[in-house]
Amino acid sequence: MAFEVILSPEAAEDLKSLDAHTRSEVRDQIRRHLTHEPQKVSRSRIKRLRGLAQPQYRLRVGDIRVFYDVVGSQVHILTIVSKAQAETWLSESGIPE
């Protein structure tokens, strides 16, 4: 079953702000991992976030972090930030359980 990937307006802006090479890599990894098995946790790529109701998951693409939720057959990408910005974004925008 393929999942429908939906970018929030913030995530779309984040994606546009990346340089072309990084943007291409992020799009490729989103297609590869989030359209087929967005909930398959792995050591290196996908992590289920604990203690948060939103976002539920994080996809790592090099120095970029993609935070997303899985709702039914849809993947809602909330934001795309650098590793350095990830902790700040989670503390400001993450919703605790």
N, C-alpha and C. Protein backbone atom coordinates (compact mmCIF):
# COMPACT_ATOMS: atom_id res chain seq x y z
N MET A 1 0.84 -1.18 0.00
CA MET A 1 0.00 0.00 0.00
C MET A 1 0.89 1.25 0.00
N ALA A 2 0.64 2.13 -0.93
CA ALA A 2 1.40 3.38 -1.00
C ALA A 2 0.71 4.45 -0.15
N PHE A 3 1.50 5.19 0.58
CA PHE A 3 0.99 6.28 1.39
C PHE A 3 1.04 7.57 0.59
N GLU A 4 0.06 8.43 0.83
CA GLU A 4 0.03 9.75 0.20
C GLU A 4 0.85 10.71 1.08
N VAL A 5 1.83 11.37 0.49
CA VAL A 5 2.69 12.29 1.23
C VAL A 5 2.17 13.71 1.04
N ILE A 6 1.89 14.38 2.15
CA ILE A 6 1.36 15.75 2.11
C ILE A 6 2.32 16.66 2.86
N LEU A 7 2.79 17.71 2.18
CA LEU A 7 3.67 18.68 2.82
C LEU A 7 2.85 19.83 3.37
N SER A 8 3.13 20.21 4.61
CA SER A 8 2.50 21.40 5.18
C SER A 8 3.08 22.62 4.46
N PRO A 9 2.41 23.77 4.53
CA PRO A 9 2.97 24.97 3.91
C PRO A 9 4.38 25.29 4.45
N GLU A 10 4.60 25.07 5.74
CA GLU A 10 5.91 25.32 6.35
C GLU A 10 6.95 24.37 5.75
N ALA A 11 6.59 23.09 5.60
CA ALA A 11 7.53 22.12 5.03
C ALA A 11 7.85 22.43 3.57
N ALA A 12 6.85 22.90 2.82
CA ALA A 12 7.08 23.27 1.42
C ALA A 12 8.07 24.43 1.34
N GLU A 13 7.92 25.41 2.22
CA GLU A 13 8.86 26.55 2.25
C GLU A 13 10.25 26.08 2.67
N ASP A 14 10.31 25.19 3.65
CA ASP A 14 11.59 24.64 4.10
C ASP A 14 12.30 23.94 2.94
N LEU A 15 11.55 23.16 2.18
CA LEU A 15 12.12 22.41 1.05
C LEU A 15 12.65 23.37 -0.01
N LYS A 16 11.89 24.43 -0.30
CA LYS A 16 12.32 25.41 -1.30
C LYS A 16 13.60 26.13 -0.88
N SER A 17 13.79 26.30 0.42
CA SER A 17 14.95 27.06 0.91
C SER A 17 16.25 26.25 0.86
N LEU A 18 16.16 24.94 0.65
CA LEU A 18 17.36 24.11 0.57
C LEU A 18 18.06 24.30 -0.77
N ASP A 19 19.39 24.07 -0.81
CA ASP A 19 20.08 24.14 -2.09
C ASP A 19 19.61 22.97 -2.96
N ALA A 20 19.82 23.07 -4.26
CA ALA A 20 19.26 22.12 -5.22
C ALA A 20 19.67 20.68 -4.95
N HIS A 21 20.93 20.45 -4.64
CA HIS A 21 21.41 19.08 -4.40
C HIS A 21 20.73 18.48 -3.16
N THR A 22 20.69 19.23 -2.08
CA THR A 22 20.07 18.75 -0.84
C THR A 22 18.58 18.53 -1.04
N ARG A 23 17.92 19.46 -1.73
CA ARG A 23 16.48 19.34 -2.01
C ARG A 23 16.19 18.05 -2.77
N SER A 24 17.01 17.76 -3.78
CA SER A 24 16.84 16.54 -4.56
C SER A 24 17.01 15.30 -3.70
N GLU A 25 18.01 15.31 -2.83
CA GLU A 25 18.27 14.17 -1.95
C GLU A 25 17.11 13.96 -0.97
N VAL A 26 16.59 15.05 -0.42
CA VAL A 26 15.47 14.96 0.52
C VAL A 26 14.24 14.41 -0.19
N ARG A 27 13.94 14.92 -1.37
CA ARG A 27 12.78 14.41 -2.13
C ARG A 27 12.92 12.92 -2.42
N ASP A 28 14.13 12.50 -2.82
CA ASP A 28 14.37 11.09 -3.11
C ASP A 28 14.14 10.22 -1.88
N GLN A 29 14.65 10.64 -0.74
CA GLN A 29 14.49 9.86 0.49
C GLN A 29 13.04 9.85 0.97
N ILE A 30 12.32 10.94 0.78
CA ILE A 30 10.89 10.98 1.13
C ILE A 30 10.15 9.97 0.27
N ARG A 31 10.41 9.98 -1.03
CA ARG A 31 9.78 9.00 -1.93
C ARG A 31 10.13 7.58 -1.54
N ARG A 32 11.40 7.34 -1.29
CA ARG A 32 11.88 5.99 -1.01
C ARG A 32 11.33 5.44 0.30
N HIS A 33 11.35 6.24 1.36
CA HIS A 33 11.00 5.73 2.69
C HIS A 33 9.56 6.02 3.12
N LEU A 34 9.03 7.19 2.80
CA LEU A 34 7.74 7.58 3.36
C LEU A 34 6.55 7.16 2.53
N THR A 35 6.73 6.86 1.25
CA THR A 35 5.57 6.45 0.45
C THR A 35 5.23 4.98 0.65
N HIS A 36 6.17 4.18 1.14
CA HIS A 36 5.90 2.75 1.28
C HIS A 36 5.88 2.26 2.73
N GLU A 37 6.86 2.64 3.53
CA GLU A 37 6.92 2.17 4.91
C GLU A 37 7.31 3.30 5.87
N PRO A 38 6.42 4.28 6.06
CA PRO A 38 6.78 5.43 6.90
C PRO A 38 6.90 5.10 8.38
N GLN A 39 6.36 3.94 8.80
CA GLN A 39 6.42 3.59 10.21
C GLN A 39 7.48 2.53 10.51
N LYS A 40 8.27 2.15 9.51
CA LYS A 40 9.32 1.15 9.70
C LYS A 40 10.54 1.82 10.31
N VAL A 41 10.71 1.64 11.60
CA VAL A 41 11.80 2.26 12.33
C VAL A 41 13.11 1.56 11.97
N SER A 42 14.15 2.36 11.75
CA SER A 42 15.47 1.81 11.46
C SER A 42 16.50 2.56 12.29
N ARG A 43 17.65 1.98 12.46
CA ARG A 43 18.69 2.63 13.27
C ARG A 43 19.18 3.92 12.64
N SER A 44 19.26 3.94 11.32
CA SER A 44 19.91 5.08 10.68
C SER A 44 18.96 6.10 10.07
N ARG A 45 17.75 5.71 9.71
CA ARG A 45 16.88 6.63 8.97
C ARG A 45 15.67 7.13 9.75
N ILE A 46 14.79 6.21 10.14
CA ILE A 46 13.51 6.60 10.72
C ILE A 46 13.51 6.31 12.22
N LYS A 47 13.05 7.30 12.98
CA LYS A 47 12.99 7.17 14.43
C LYS A 47 11.60 7.55 14.91
N ARG A 48 11.02 6.72 15.76
CA ARG A 48 9.74 7.03 16.40
C ARG A 48 10.08 7.91 17.59
N LEU A 49 9.46 9.09 17.66
CA LEU A 49 9.77 10.04 18.72
C LEU A 49 8.96 9.71 19.97
N ARG A 50 9.63 9.66 21.10
CA ARG A 50 8.98 9.33 22.37
C ARG A 50 8.57 10.59 23.11
N GLY A 51 7.46 10.48 23.83
CA GLY A 51 7.00 11.59 24.65
C GLY A 51 6.31 12.70 23.89
N LEU A 52 6.12 12.51 22.57
CA LEU A 52 5.47 13.54 21.76
C LEU A 52 4.25 12.96 21.05
N ALA A 53 3.15 13.70 21.08
CA ALA A 53 1.97 13.31 20.31
C ALA A 53 2.15 13.76 18.86
N GLN A 54 2.86 14.87 18.68
CA GLN A 54 3.15 15.38 17.35
C GLN A 54 4.48 16.10 17.40
N PRO A 55 5.39 15.87 16.53
CA PRO A 55 5.40 14.88 15.46
C PRO A 55 5.63 13.47 16.00
N GLN A 56 5.20 12.48 15.22
CA GLN A 56 5.35 11.10 15.63
C GLN A 56 6.70 10.51 15.22
N TYR A 57 7.22 10.95 14.07
CA TYR A 57 8.43 10.34 13.51
C TYR A 57 9.41 11.39 13.00
N ARG A 58 10.68 10.92 12.82
CA ARG A 58 11.72 11.75 12.23
C ARG A 58 12.46 10.92 11.19
N LEU A 59 12.63 11.49 10.00
CA LEU A 59 13.44 10.88 8.95
C LEU A 59 14.73 11.67 8.86
N ARG A 60 15.87 10.97 8.90
CA ARG A 60 17.16 11.62 8.80
C ARG A 60 17.68 11.49 7.38
N VAL A 61 18.04 12.64 6.79
CA VAL A 61 18.63 12.67 5.46
C VAL A 61 19.90 13.51 5.58
N GLY A 62 21.02 12.84 5.86
CA GLY A 62 22.27 13.57 6.07
C GLY A 62 22.15 14.50 7.26
N ASP A 63 22.32 15.81 7.02
CA ASP A 63 22.22 16.81 8.08
C ASP A 63 20.81 17.39 8.20
N ILE A 64 19.88 16.85 7.44
CA ILE A 64 18.50 17.36 7.42
C ILE A 64 17.60 16.40 8.18
N ARG A 65 16.63 16.95 8.91
CA ARG A 65 15.65 16.16 9.64
C ARG A 65 14.26 16.50 9.12
N VAL A 66 13.49 15.46 8.78
CA VAL A 66 12.12 15.61 8.29
C VAL A 66 11.21 15.06 9.39
N PHE A 67 10.38 15.93 9.97
CA PHE A 67 9.46 15.52 11.03
C PHE A 67 8.08 15.33 10.43
N TYR A 68 7.44 14.21 10.77
CA TYR A 68 6.16 13.89 10.15
C TYR A 68 5.27 13.04 11.05
N ASP A 69 3.98 13.01 10.69
CA ASP A 69 2.97 12.18 11.35
C ASP A 69 2.38 11.24 10.32
N VAL A 70 1.93 10.08 10.76
CA VAL A 70 1.22 9.15 9.90
C VAL A 70 -0.23 9.12 10.37
N VAL A 71 -1.15 9.46 9.45
CA VAL A 71 -2.58 9.49 9.76
C VAL A 71 -3.28 8.64 8.71
N GLY A 72 -3.69 7.45 9.12
CA GLY A 72 -4.33 6.55 8.16
C GLY A 72 -3.36 6.18 7.05
N SER A 73 -3.75 6.49 5.82
CA SER A 73 -2.88 6.19 4.66
C SER A 73 -2.16 7.44 4.17
N GLN A 74 -2.05 8.45 5.03
CA GLN A 74 -1.38 9.69 4.65
C GLN A 74 -0.18 9.96 5.57
N VAL A 75 0.84 10.56 4.99
CA VAL A 75 2.01 11.01 5.75
C VAL A 75 1.99 12.54 5.68
N HIS A 76 1.87 13.17 6.84
CA HIS A 76 1.83 14.64 6.92
C HIS A 76 3.21 15.13 7.34
N ILE A 77 3.94 15.74 6.41
CA ILE A 77 5.27 16.28 6.72
C ILE A 77 5.06 17.66 7.33
N LEU A 78 5.54 17.82 8.56
CA LEU A 78 5.32 19.05 9.30
C LEU A 78 6.41 20.09 9.03
N THR A 79 7.65 19.65 9.00
CA THR A 79 8.75 20.58 8.75
C THR A 79 9.98 19.81 8.27
N ILE A 80 10.88 20.55 7.64
CA ILE A 80 12.16 20.02 7.18
C ILE A 80 13.21 21.00 7.67
N VAL A 81 14.03 20.56 8.64
CA VAL A 81 15.00 21.46 9.26
C VAL A 81 16.38 20.80 9.33
N SER A 82 17.39 21.63 9.57
CA SER A 82 18.74 21.09 9.74
C SER A 82 18.84 20.46 11.13
N LYS A 83 19.85 19.65 11.30
CA LYS A 83 20.08 18.99 12.59
C LYS A 83 20.22 20.03 13.70
N ALA A 84 20.91 21.13 13.40
CA ALA A 84 21.12 22.18 14.40
C ALA A 84 19.82 22.84 14.83
N GLN A 85 18.85 22.92 13.93
CA GLN A 85 17.57 23.56 14.24
C GLN A 85 16.54 22.60 14.82
N ALA A 86 16.79 21.30 14.73
CA ALA A 86 15.80 20.29 15.10
C ALA A 86 15.36 20.39 16.56
N GLU A 87 16.29 20.50 17.47
CA GLU A 87 15.96 20.54 18.90
C GLU A 87 15.12 21.78 19.23
N THR A 88 15.48 22.92 18.65
CA THR A 88 14.72 24.15 18.86
C THR A 88 13.31 24.01 18.33
N TRP A 89 13.19 23.45 17.11
CA TRP A 89 11.86 23.29 16.51
C TRP A 89 10.99 22.36 17.35
N LEU A 90 11.57 21.25 17.82
CA LEU A 90 10.80 20.32 18.65
C LEU A 90 10.34 20.96 19.95
N SER A 91 11.20 21.76 20.58
CA SER A 91 10.82 22.38 21.85
C SER A 91 9.74 23.44 21.65
N GLU A 92 9.72 24.11 20.48
CA GLU A 92 8.73 25.15 20.22
C GLU A 92 7.43 24.59 19.63
N SER A 93 7.54 23.59 18.75
CA SER A 93 6.38 23.13 18.00
C SER A 93 5.89 21.73 18.34
N GLY A 94 6.72 20.96 19.04
CA GLY A 94 6.32 19.60 19.40
C GLY A 94 5.20 19.63 20.41
N ILE A 95 4.27 18.69 20.30
CA ILE A 95 3.14 18.60 21.22
C ILE A 95 3.37 17.38 22.13
N PRO A 96 3.57 17.60 23.43
CA PRO A 96 3.81 16.48 24.35
C PRO A 96 2.58 15.57 24.46
N GLU A 97 2.84 14.29 24.78
CA GLU A 97 1.73 13.35 24.97
C GLU A 97 1.00 13.66 26.26
